[in-house]
Amino acid sequence: MLVLEYPLSFQLGSFHLYAHTLFELLAFFIGFRYYLHLRKNKADIISDQGRLWIIIGATFGALLGSRLIGALEDPDLFFSGKAGWLYYYQSKTIVGGLLGGLWGVELAKKIIGERHSSGDLFTFPLMLGMIIGRIGCFSMGIYEPTYGLASSLPWALDLGDGITRHPTALYEIVFLVTCWVALLALERRVNLVSGARFKVFMVSYLLYRFLVEFIRPGIVVGWGMTTLQWTCLIGLIYYWRVWLWPGSMVESSSKSLSI
């Protein structure tokens, strides 16, 4: 059994920095630099100004969605306000950020009149940032609510409370790497329509998060499911064409979809 000291941190003289903070900053920086690299080396039908407004919409939507869904994970604290205003600011979740960012992008595109799909260029940089960010989550152990339930499986880890648990942050890293490789393999075999890469990623991730929440602690809000699981279901319904009509994602289809 592997035992690490959580939360992991760095000490340089009187300066103290949690590894989670460092990896979170690296996730944003490296992910954005990778996006700029991809855009520079591939023709983009969306103008610089259009991309800027899309990024602004994505950023504000992600911030709002991340904190709203994160706070709603505990409905009692959300509606009672007993935890104070910091609860609403500090609570956040990637699922809410992705769907909030999607809403922000669609709103920004509607305002500026942009009709082209915009998600494909963001997909791999987003996945890279999530992988780096989850390393930071893992470094916090049980001090970051991304750990799993108790488990006796051979790969279960003690994340700081003396209980071996599903290392769900590591599960997500494995999933994201596998999804990345699978998307690249898929694109070598078929020509996907514009926007399909992002849609396939979103459906895959939402399905993964819906399932993995069954082995993570959480507050059940209805029908045996948590707020995150209900949010994932809403997202999967939004993308119903991807899993109900997968042929619409291939270029030979008569109609392509916008994200």
C-alpha atoms as a PDB file:
ATOM      1  CA  MET A   1       0.000   0.000   0.000  1.00  0.00           C
ATOM      2  CA  LEU A   2       1.411   3.388  -1.033  1.00  0.00           C
ATOM      3  CA  VAL A   3       1.206   6.083   1.643  1.00  0.00           C
ATOM      4  CA  LEU A   4       2.000   9.727   0.847  1.00  0.00           C
ATOM      5  CA  GLU A   5       1.804  12.787   3.048  1.00  0.00           C
ATOM      6  CA  TYR A   6      -1.191  14.963   2.184  1.00  0.00           C
ATOM      7  CA  PRO A   7      -1.618  17.692   1.273  1.00  0.00           C
ATOM      8  CA  LEU A   8       1.611  17.867  -0.694  1.00  0.00           C
ATOM      9  CA  SER A   9       3.359  21.227  -0.488  1.00  0.00           C
ATOM     10  CA  PHE A  10       6.620  22.989  -1.248  1.00  0.00           C
ATOM     11  CA  GLN A  11       8.645  24.939   1.310  1.00  0.00           C
ATOM     12  CA  LEU A  12      11.329  27.436   0.308  1.00  0.00           C
ATOM     13  CA  GLY A  13      12.493  29.363   3.349  1.00  0.00           C
ATOM     14  CA  SER A  14       9.440  31.117   4.753  1.00  0.00           C
ATOM     15  CA  PHE A  15       7.525  30.663   1.483  1.00  0.00           C
ATOM     16  CA  HIS A  16       4.934  27.866   1.490  1.00  0.00           C
ATOM     17  CA  LEU A  17       3.008  26.714  -1.556  1.00  0.00           C
ATOM     18  CA  TYR A  18       0.537  23.864  -1.908  1.00  0.00           C
ATOM     19  CA  ALA A  19       1.191  21.628  -4.910  1.00  0.00           C
ATOM     20  CA  HIS A  20      -2.492  21.973  -5.796  1.00  0.00           C
ATOM     21  CA  THR A  21      -2.110  25.729  -6.303  1.00  0.00           C
ATOM     22  CA  LEU A  22       0.977  25.239  -8.478  1.00  0.00           C
ATOM     23  CA  PHE A  23      -0.664  22.612 -10.681  1.00  0.00           C
ATOM     24  CA  GLU A  24      -3.826  24.706 -10.982  1.00  0.00           C
ATOM     25  CA  LEU A  25      -1.791  27.644 -12.277  1.00  0.00           C
ATOM     26  CA  LEU A  26       0.166  25.359 -14.607  1.00  0.00           C
ATOM     27  CA  ALA A  27      -3.094  23.891 -15.936  1.00  0.00           C
ATOM     28  CA  PHE A  28      -4.330  27.312 -17.051  1.00  0.00           C
ATOM     29  CA  PHE A  29      -0.948  28.484 -18.372  1.00  0.00           C
ATOM     30  CA  ILE A  30       0.090  25.330 -20.262  1.00  0.00           C
ATOM     31  CA  GLY A  31      -3.434  24.665 -21.535  1.00  0.00           C
ATOM     32  CA  PHE A  32      -3.713  28.195 -22.956  1.00  0.00           C
ATOM     33  CA  ARG A  33      -0.233  28.081 -24.468  1.00  0.00           C
ATOM     34  CA  TYR A  34      -1.125  24.792 -26.150  1.00  0.00           C
ATOM     35  CA  TYR A  35      -4.307  26.377 -27.524  1.00  0.00           C
ATOM     36  CA  LEU A  36      -2.277  29.280 -28.962  1.00  0.00           C
ATOM     37  CA  HIS A  37       0.169  26.790 -30.500  1.00  0.00           C
ATOM     38  CA  LEU A  38      -2.632  24.815 -32.178  1.00  0.00           C
ATOM     39  CA  ARG A  39      -4.340  27.944 -33.484  1.00  0.00           C
ATOM     40  CA  LYS A  40      -1.077  29.292 -34.875  1.00  0.00           C
ATOM     41  CA  ASN A  41      -0.369  26.077 -36.767  1.00  0.00           C
ATOM     42  CA  LYS A  42      -3.859  25.470 -38.106  1.00  0.00           C
ATOM     43  CA  ALA A  43      -6.098  27.751 -40.142  1.00  0.00           C
ATOM     44  CA  ASP A  44      -8.965  29.108 -38.050  1.00  0.00           C
ATOM     45  CA  ILE A  45     -12.121  30.265 -39.816  1.00  0.00           C
ATOM     46  CA  ILE A  46     -13.064  32.355 -36.783  1.00  0.00           C
ATOM     47  CA  SER A  47     -11.474  35.810 -36.605  1.00  0.00           C
ATOM     48  CA  ASP A  48      -9.174  36.945 -33.792  1.00  0.00           C
ATOM     49  CA  GLN A  49     -11.895  39.234 -32.453  1.00  0.00           C
ATOM     50  CA  GLY A  50     -14.455  36.443 -32.627  1.00  0.00           C
ATOM     51  CA  ARG A  51     -12.149  34.070 -30.748  1.00  0.00           C
ATOM     52  CA  LEU A  52     -11.550  36.723 -28.098  1.00  0.00           C
ATOM     53  CA  TRP A  53     -15.272  37.127 -27.444  1.00  0.00           C
ATOM     54  CA  ILE A  54     -15.691  33.351 -27.380  1.00  0.00           C
ATOM     55  CA  ILE A  55     -12.906  33.017 -24.795  1.00  0.00           C
ATOM     56  CA  ILE A  56     -14.455  35.788 -22.693  1.00  0.00           C
ATOM     57  CA  GLY A  57     -17.845  34.061 -22.863  1.00  0.00           C
ATOM     58  CA  ALA A  58     -16.298  30.696 -21.994  1.00  0.00           C
ATOM     59  CA  THR A  59     -14.386  32.166 -19.049  1.00  0.00           C
ATOM     60  CA  PHE A  60     -17.330  33.931 -17.435  1.00  0.00           C
ATOM     61  CA  GLY A  61     -19.669  31.015 -18.136  1.00  0.00           C
ATOM     62  CA  ALA A  62     -17.203  28.539 -16.650  1.00  0.00           C
ATOM     63  CA  LEU A  63     -16.684  30.632 -13.513  1.00  0.00           C
ATOM     64  CA  LEU A  64     -20.417  30.970 -12.953  1.00  0.00           C
ATOM     65  CA  GLY A  65     -21.310  27.370 -13.808  1.00  0.00           C
ATOM     66  CA  SER A  66     -18.444  25.902 -11.814  1.00  0.00           C
ATOM     67  CA  ARG A  67     -19.395  27.721  -8.627  1.00  0.00           C
ATOM     68  CA  LEU A  68     -23.149  27.363  -9.037  1.00  0.00           C
ATOM     69  CA  ILE A  69     -23.084  23.581  -9.504  1.00  0.00           C
ATOM     70  CA  GLY A  70     -20.314  23.214  -6.934  1.00  0.00           C
ATOM     71  CA  ALA A  71     -22.372  25.052  -4.307  1.00  0.00           C
ATOM     72  CA  LEU A  72     -25.487  23.065  -5.227  1.00  0.00           C
ATOM     73  CA  GLU A  73     -23.695  19.827  -4.337  1.00  0.00           C
ATOM     74  CA  ASP A  74     -24.949  20.543  -0.804  1.00  0.00           C
ATOM     75  CA  PRO A  75     -28.470  21.954  -1.292  1.00  0.00           C
ATOM     76  CA  ASP A  76     -28.927  22.603   2.425  1.00  0.00           C
ATOM     77  CA  LEU A  77     -25.889  24.887   2.596  1.00  0.00           C
ATOM     78  CA  PHE A  78     -26.771  26.490  -0.744  1.00  0.00           C
ATOM     79  CA  PHE A  79     -30.299  27.524   0.183  1.00  0.00           C
ATOM     80  CA  SER A  80     -29.765  28.193   3.899  1.00  0.00           C
ATOM     81  CA  GLY A  81     -26.638  30.316   3.561  1.00  0.00           C
ATOM     82  CA  LYS A  82     -25.345  28.844   6.836  1.00  0.00           C
ATOM     83  CA  ALA A  83     -21.820  28.417   5.457  1.00  0.00           C
ATOM     84  CA  GLY A  84     -21.437  32.112   4.584  1.00  0.00           C
ATOM     85  CA  TRP A  85     -20.639  33.802   1.287  1.00  0.00           C
ATOM     86  CA  LEU A  86     -17.225  32.120   0.975  1.00  0.00           C
ATOM     87  CA  TYR A  87     -19.007  28.805   0.452  1.00  0.00           C
ATOM     88  CA  TYR A  88     -20.449  30.059  -2.847  1.00  0.00           C
ATOM     89  CA  TYR A  89     -17.062  31.366  -3.994  1.00  0.00           C
ATOM     90  CA  GLN A  90     -14.897  28.419  -2.964  1.00  0.00           C
ATOM     91  CA  SER A  91     -17.221  25.647  -4.178  1.00  0.00           C
ATOM     92  CA  LYS A  92     -16.440  24.627  -7.740  1.00  0.00           C
ATOM     93  CA  THR A  93     -16.608  21.663 -10.067  1.00  0.00           C
ATOM     94  CA  ILE A  94     -15.286  20.927 -13.549  1.00  0.00           C
ATOM     95  CA  VAL A  95     -18.670  19.602 -14.699  1.00  0.00           C
ATOM     96  CA  GLY A  96     -20.313  22.931 -13.931  1.00  0.00           C
ATOM     97  CA  GLY A  97     -17.392  24.761 -15.505  1.00  0.00           C
ATOM     98  CA  LEU A  98     -17.667  22.824 -18.761  1.00  0.00           C
ATOM     99  CA  LEU A  99     -21.415  23.268 -19.118  1.00  0.00           C
ATOM    100  CA  GLY A 100     -21.281  26.876 -17.923  1.00  0.00           C
ATOM    101  CA  GLY A 101     -18.483  27.563 -20.381  1.00  0.00           C
ATOM    102  CA  LEU A 102     -20.571  25.986 -23.141  1.00  0.00           C
ATOM    103  CA  TRP A 103     -23.478  28.280 -22.260  1.00  0.00           C
ATOM    104  CA  GLY A 104     -21.127  31.294 -22.200  1.00  0.00           C
ATOM    105  CA  VAL A 105     -19.714  30.418 -25.620  1.00  0.00           C
ATOM    106  CA  GLU A 106     -23.141  29.988 -27.185  1.00  0.00           C
ATOM    107  CA  LEU A 107     -24.289  33.320 -25.726  1.00  0.00           C
ATOM    108  CA  ALA A 108     -21.163  35.120 -26.952  1.00  0.00           C
ATOM    109  CA  LYS A 109     -21.517  33.607 -30.435  1.00  0.00           C
ATOM    110  CA  LYS A 110     -25.141  34.674 -30.607  1.00  0.00           C
ATOM    111  CA  ILE A 111     -24.252  38.233 -29.607  1.00  0.00           C
ATOM    112  CA  ILE A 112     -21.481  38.591 -32.211  1.00  0.00           C
ATOM    113  CA  GLY A 113     -23.343  36.604 -34.874  1.00  0.00           C
ATOM    114  CA  GLU A 114     -20.735  33.833 -35.150  1.00  0.00           C
ATOM    115  CA  ARG A 115     -22.229  30.693 -36.728  1.00  0.00           C
ATOM    116  CA  HIS A 116     -19.158  28.459 -37.053  1.00  0.00           C
ATOM    117  CA  SER A 117     -18.380  25.688 -34.579  1.00  0.00           C
ATOM    118  CA  SER A 118     -15.681  26.779 -32.154  1.00  0.00           C
ATOM    119  CA  GLY A 119     -15.085  23.861 -29.786  1.00  0.00           C
ATOM    120  CA  ASP A 120     -12.663  21.618 -31.695  1.00  0.00           C
ATOM    121  CA  LEU A 121      -9.699  23.927 -31.208  1.00  0.00           C
ATOM    122  CA  PHE A 122     -10.275  24.013 -27.443  1.00  0.00           C
ATOM    123  CA  THR A 123     -10.703  20.265 -26.930  1.00  0.00           C
ATOM    124  CA  PHE A 124      -7.136  19.009 -26.527  1.00  0.00           C
ATOM    125  CA  PRO A 125      -5.875  22.107 -24.631  1.00  0.00           C
ATOM    126  CA  LEU A 126      -8.841  21.716 -22.294  1.00  0.00           C
ATOM    127  CA  MET A 127      -8.060  18.039 -21.740  1.00  0.00           C
ATOM    128  CA  LEU A 128      -4.400  18.850 -21.095  1.00  0.00           C
ATOM    129  CA  GLY A 129      -5.350  21.470 -18.528  1.00  0.00           C
ATOM    130  CA  MET A 130      -7.725  19.032 -16.820  1.00  0.00           C
ATOM    131  CA  ILE A 131      -5.014  16.358 -16.616  1.00  0.00           C
ATOM    132  CA  ILE A 132      -2.582  18.782 -14.993  1.00  0.00           C
ATOM    133  CA  GLY A 133      -5.291  20.085 -12.679  1.00  0.00           C
ATOM    134  CA  ARG A 134      -6.225  16.584 -11.520  1.00  0.00           C
ATOM    135  CA  ILE A 135      -2.602  15.966 -10.548  1.00  0.00           C
ATOM    136  CA  GLY A 136      -3.033  18.929  -8.231  1.00  0.00           C
ATOM    137  CA  CYS A 137      -6.310  17.514  -6.885  1.00  0.00           C
ATOM    138  CA  PHE A 138      -4.607  14.196  -6.160  1.00  0.00           C
ATOM    139  CA  SER A 139      -1.846  16.003  -4.270  1.00  0.00           C
ATOM    140  CA  MET A 140      -4.453  17.267  -1.771  1.00  0.00           C
ATOM    141  CA  GLY A 141      -5.702  13.812  -0.780  1.00  0.00           C
ATOM    142  CA  ILE A 142      -8.907  14.027   1.272  1.00  0.00           C
ATOM    143  CA  TYR A 143      -8.453  17.792   1.647  1.00  0.00           C
ATOM    144  CA  GLU A 144      -9.888  18.255  -1.853  1.00  0.00           C
ATOM    145  CA  PRO A 145     -13.327  16.686  -2.526  1.00  0.00           C
ATOM    146  CA  THR A 146     -12.171  14.595  -5.485  1.00  0.00           C
ATOM    147  CA  TYR A 147     -11.401  11.382  -3.581  1.00  0.00           C
ATOM    148  CA  GLY A 148     -13.386   8.149  -3.709  1.00  0.00           C
ATOM    149  CA  LEU A 149     -15.132   5.842  -1.294  1.00  0.00           C
ATOM    150  CA  ALA A 150     -13.284   3.276   0.802  1.00  0.00           C
ATOM    151  CA  SER A 151     -12.002   0.332  -1.224  1.00  0.00           C
ATOM    152  CA  SER A 152      -9.958  -2.831  -0.733  1.00  0.00           C
ATOM    153  CA  LEU A 153      -8.830  -2.991  -4.361  1.00  0.00           C
ATOM    154  CA  PRO A 154      -5.062  -3.472  -4.893  1.00  0.00           C
ATOM    155  CA  TRP A 155      -4.647   0.067  -6.237  1.00  0.00           C
ATOM    156  CA  ALA A 156      -6.639   1.767  -3.474  1.00  0.00           C
ATOM    157  CA  LEU A 157      -4.645   4.467  -1.681  1.00  0.00           C
ATOM    158  CA  ASP A 158      -4.544   6.047   1.739  1.00  0.00           C
ATOM    159  CA  LEU A 159      -5.222   9.690   0.880  1.00  0.00           C
ATOM    160  CA  GLY A 160      -4.511  11.057   4.326  1.00  0.00           C
ATOM    161  CA  ASP A 161      -7.141   9.664   6.691  1.00  0.00           C
ATOM    162  CA  GLY A 162      -5.871   6.123   7.205  1.00  0.00           C
ATOM    163  CA  ILE A 163      -8.541   4.641   4.902  1.00  0.00           C
ATOM    164  CA  THR A 164      -7.690   3.094   1.535  1.00  0.00           C
ATOM    165  CA  ARG A 165      -9.884   4.730  -1.101  1.00  0.00           C
ATOM    166  CA  HIS A 166     -10.560   4.818  -4.814  1.00  0.00           C
ATOM    167  CA  PRO A 167      -8.057   7.399  -6.169  1.00  0.00           C
ATOM    168  CA  THR A 168     -10.695   8.949  -8.418  1.00  0.00           C
ATOM    169  CA  ALA A 169      -8.460  11.891  -9.349  1.00  0.00           C
ATOM    170  CA  LEU A 170      -6.049   9.365 -10.878  1.00  0.00           C
ATOM    171  CA  TYR A 171      -8.955   7.530 -12.517  1.00  0.00           C
ATOM    172  CA  GLU A 172      -9.849  10.761 -14.268  1.00  0.00           C
ATOM    173  CA  ILE A 173      -6.299  11.276 -15.511  1.00  0.00           C
ATOM    174  CA  VAL A 174      -6.327   7.760 -16.985  1.00  0.00           C
ATOM    175  CA  PHE A 175      -9.731   8.417 -18.556  1.00  0.00           C
ATOM    176  CA  LEU A 176      -8.633  11.724 -20.110  1.00  0.00           C
ATOM    177  CA  VAL A 177      -5.449  10.242 -21.568  1.00  0.00           C
ATOM    178  CA  THR A 178      -7.437   7.294 -22.974  1.00  0.00           C
ATOM    179  CA  CYS A 179     -10.070   9.640 -24.397  1.00  0.00           C
ATOM    180  CA  TRP A 180      -7.361  11.770 -26.035  1.00  0.00           C
ATOM    181  CA  VAL A 181      -5.759   8.738 -27.690  1.00  0.00           C
ATOM    182  CA  ALA A 182      -9.174   7.430 -28.780  1.00  0.00           C
ATOM    183  CA  LEU A 183     -10.128  10.782 -30.349  1.00  0.00           C
ATOM    184  CA  LEU A 184      -6.872  10.884 -32.303  1.00  0.00           C
ATOM    185  CA  ALA A 185      -7.448   7.314 -33.512  1.00  0.00           C
ATOM    186  CA  LEU A 186     -11.034   8.138 -34.468  1.00  0.00           C
ATOM    187  CA  GLU A 187      -9.963  11.188 -36.478  1.00  0.00           C
ATOM    188  CA  ARG A 188      -7.440   9.079 -38.376  1.00  0.00           C
ATOM    189  CA  ARG A 189     -10.186   6.683 -39.427  1.00  0.00           C
ATOM    190  CA  VAL A 190     -13.041   9.075 -40.271  1.00  0.00           C
ATOM    191  CA  ASN A 191     -13.493  12.719 -41.136  1.00  0.00           C
ATOM    192  CA  LEU A 192     -15.473  14.306 -38.320  1.00  0.00           C
ATOM    193  CA  VAL A 193     -17.682  17.304 -38.991  1.00  0.00           C
ATOM    194  CA  SER A 194     -16.689  20.640 -37.512  1.00  0.00           C
ATOM    195  CA  GLY A 195     -17.458  20.657 -33.801  1.00  0.00           C
ATOM    196  CA  ALA A 196     -17.710  16.858 -33.496  1.00  0.00           C
ATOM    197  CA  ARG A 197     -14.416  16.454 -31.628  1.00  0.00           C
ATOM    198  CA  PHE A 198     -15.646  18.686 -28.826  1.00  0.00           C
ATOM    199  CA  LYS A 199     -19.062  17.014 -28.707  1.00  0.00           C
ATOM    200  CA  VAL A 200     -17.591  13.513 -28.503  1.00  0.00           C
ATOM    201  CA  PHE A 201     -15.284  14.638 -25.695  1.00  0.00           C
ATOM    202  CA  MET A 202     -18.129  16.276 -23.776  1.00  0.00           C
ATOM    203  CA  VAL A 203     -20.417  13.252 -24.038  1.00  0.00           C
ATOM    204  CA  SER A 204     -17.592  10.907 -23.030  1.00  0.00           C
ATOM    205  CA  TYR A 205     -16.598  13.028 -20.058  1.00  0.00           C
ATOM    206  CA  LEU A 206     -20.153  13.600 -18.825  1.00  0.00           C
ATOM    207  CA  LEU A 207     -20.854   9.867 -19.029  1.00  0.00           C
ATOM    208  CA  TYR A 208     -17.612   9.105 -17.186  1.00  0.00           C
ATOM    209  CA  ARG A 209     -18.404  11.599 -14.416  1.00  0.00           C
ATOM    210  CA  PHE A 210     -21.959  10.292 -14.068  1.00  0.00           C
ATOM    211  CA  LEU A 211     -20.622   6.776 -13.488  1.00  0.00           C
ATOM    212  CA  VAL A 212     -17.640   7.618 -11.281  1.00  0.00           C
ATOM    213  CA  GLU A 213     -19.843   9.616  -8.905  1.00  0.00           C
ATOM    214  CA  PHE A 214     -21.237   6.281  -7.676  1.00  0.00           C
ATOM    215  CA  ILE A 215     -17.865   5.576  -6.031  1.00  0.00           C
ATOM    216  CA  ARG A 216     -17.396   9.067  -4.628  1.00  0.00           C
ATOM    217  CA  PRO A 217     -18.981  10.475  -1.455  1.00  0.00           C
ATOM    218  CA  GLY A 218     -21.793  12.884  -2.197  1.00  0.00           C
ATOM    219  CA  ILE A 219     -25.177  14.126  -1.056  1.00  0.00           C
ATOM    220  CA  VAL A 220     -28.096  12.391  -2.746  1.00  0.00           C
ATOM    221  CA  VAL A 221     -30.661  14.944  -3.918  1.00  0.00           C
ATOM    222  CA  GLY A 222     -33.167  12.697  -5.679  1.00  0.00           C
ATOM    223  CA  TRP A 223     -33.623   9.253  -7.229  1.00  0.00           C
ATOM    224  CA  GLY A 224     -30.375   8.067  -5.642  1.00  0.00           C
ATOM    225  CA  MET A 225     -28.274  10.617  -7.533  1.00  0.00           C
ATOM    226  CA  THR A 226     -26.198  13.638  -6.596  1.00  0.00           C
ATOM    227  CA  THR A 227     -26.319  17.156  -8.012  1.00  0.00           C
ATOM    228  CA  LEU A 228     -23.323  16.361 -10.226  1.00  0.00           C
ATOM    229  CA  GLN A 229     -25.021  13.289 -11.647  1.00  0.00           C
ATOM    230  CA  TRP A 230     -28.200  15.215 -12.445  1.00  0.00           C
ATOM    231  CA  THR A 231     -26.054  17.900 -14.077  1.00  0.00           C
ATOM    232  CA  CYS A 232     -24.286  15.267 -16.183  1.00  0.00           C
ATOM    233  CA  LEU A 233     -27.651  13.878 -17.281  1.00  0.00           C
ATOM    234  CA  ILE A 234     -28.780  17.344 -18.367  1.00  0.00           C
ATOM    235  CA  GLY A 235     -25.579  17.705 -20.383  1.00  0.00           C
ATOM    236  CA  LEU A 236     -26.042  14.283 -21.984  1.00  0.00           C
ATOM    237  CA  ILE A 237     -29.599  15.182 -22.940  1.00  0.00           C
ATOM    238  CA  TYR A 238     -28.324  18.419 -24.504  1.00  0.00           C
ATOM    239  CA  TYR A 239     -25.960  16.332 -26.661  1.00  0.00           C
ATOM    240  CA  TRP A 240     -28.552  13.669 -27.474  1.00  0.00           C
ATOM    241  CA  ARG A 241     -27.650  13.621 -31.173  1.00  0.00           C
ATOM    242  CA  VAL A 242     -24.096  12.459 -30.443  1.00  0.00           C
ATOM    243  CA  TRP A 243     -25.067   9.213 -28.737  1.00  0.00           C
ATOM    244  CA  LEU A 244     -28.467   8.676 -30.382  1.00  0.00           C
ATOM    245  CA  TRP A 245     -27.364   9.559 -33.924  1.00  0.00           C
ATOM    246  CA  PRO A 246     -23.554   9.117 -34.080  1.00  0.00           C
ATOM    247  CA  GLY A 247     -23.613   9.257 -37.875  1.00  0.00           C
ATOM    248  CA  SER A 248     -24.253  12.993 -37.599  1.00  0.00           C
ATOM    249  CA  MET A 249     -20.676  13.395 -36.369  1.00  0.00           C
ATOM    250  CA  VAL A 250     -19.152  12.099 -39.616  1.00  0.00           C
ATOM    251  CA  GLU A 251     -18.428  14.441 -42.515  1.00  0.00           C
ATOM    252  CA  SER A 252     -20.424  12.359 -44.993  1.00  0.00           C
ATOM    253  CA  SER A 253     -23.557  13.273 -43.026  1.00  0.00           C
ATOM    254  CA  SER A 254     -25.880  15.703 -44.741  1.00  0.00           C
ATOM    255  CA  LYS A 255     -25.774  18.200 -41.885  1.00  0.00           C
ATOM    256  CA  SER A 256     -23.144  19.348 -39.374  1.00  0.00           C
ATOM    257  CA  LEU A 257     -23.951  20.720 -35.965  1.00  0.00           C
ATOM    258  CA  SER A 258     -22.672  23.728 -34.050  1.00  0.00           C
ATOM    259  CA  ILE A 259     -21.571  23.346 -30.435  1.00  0.00           C
END
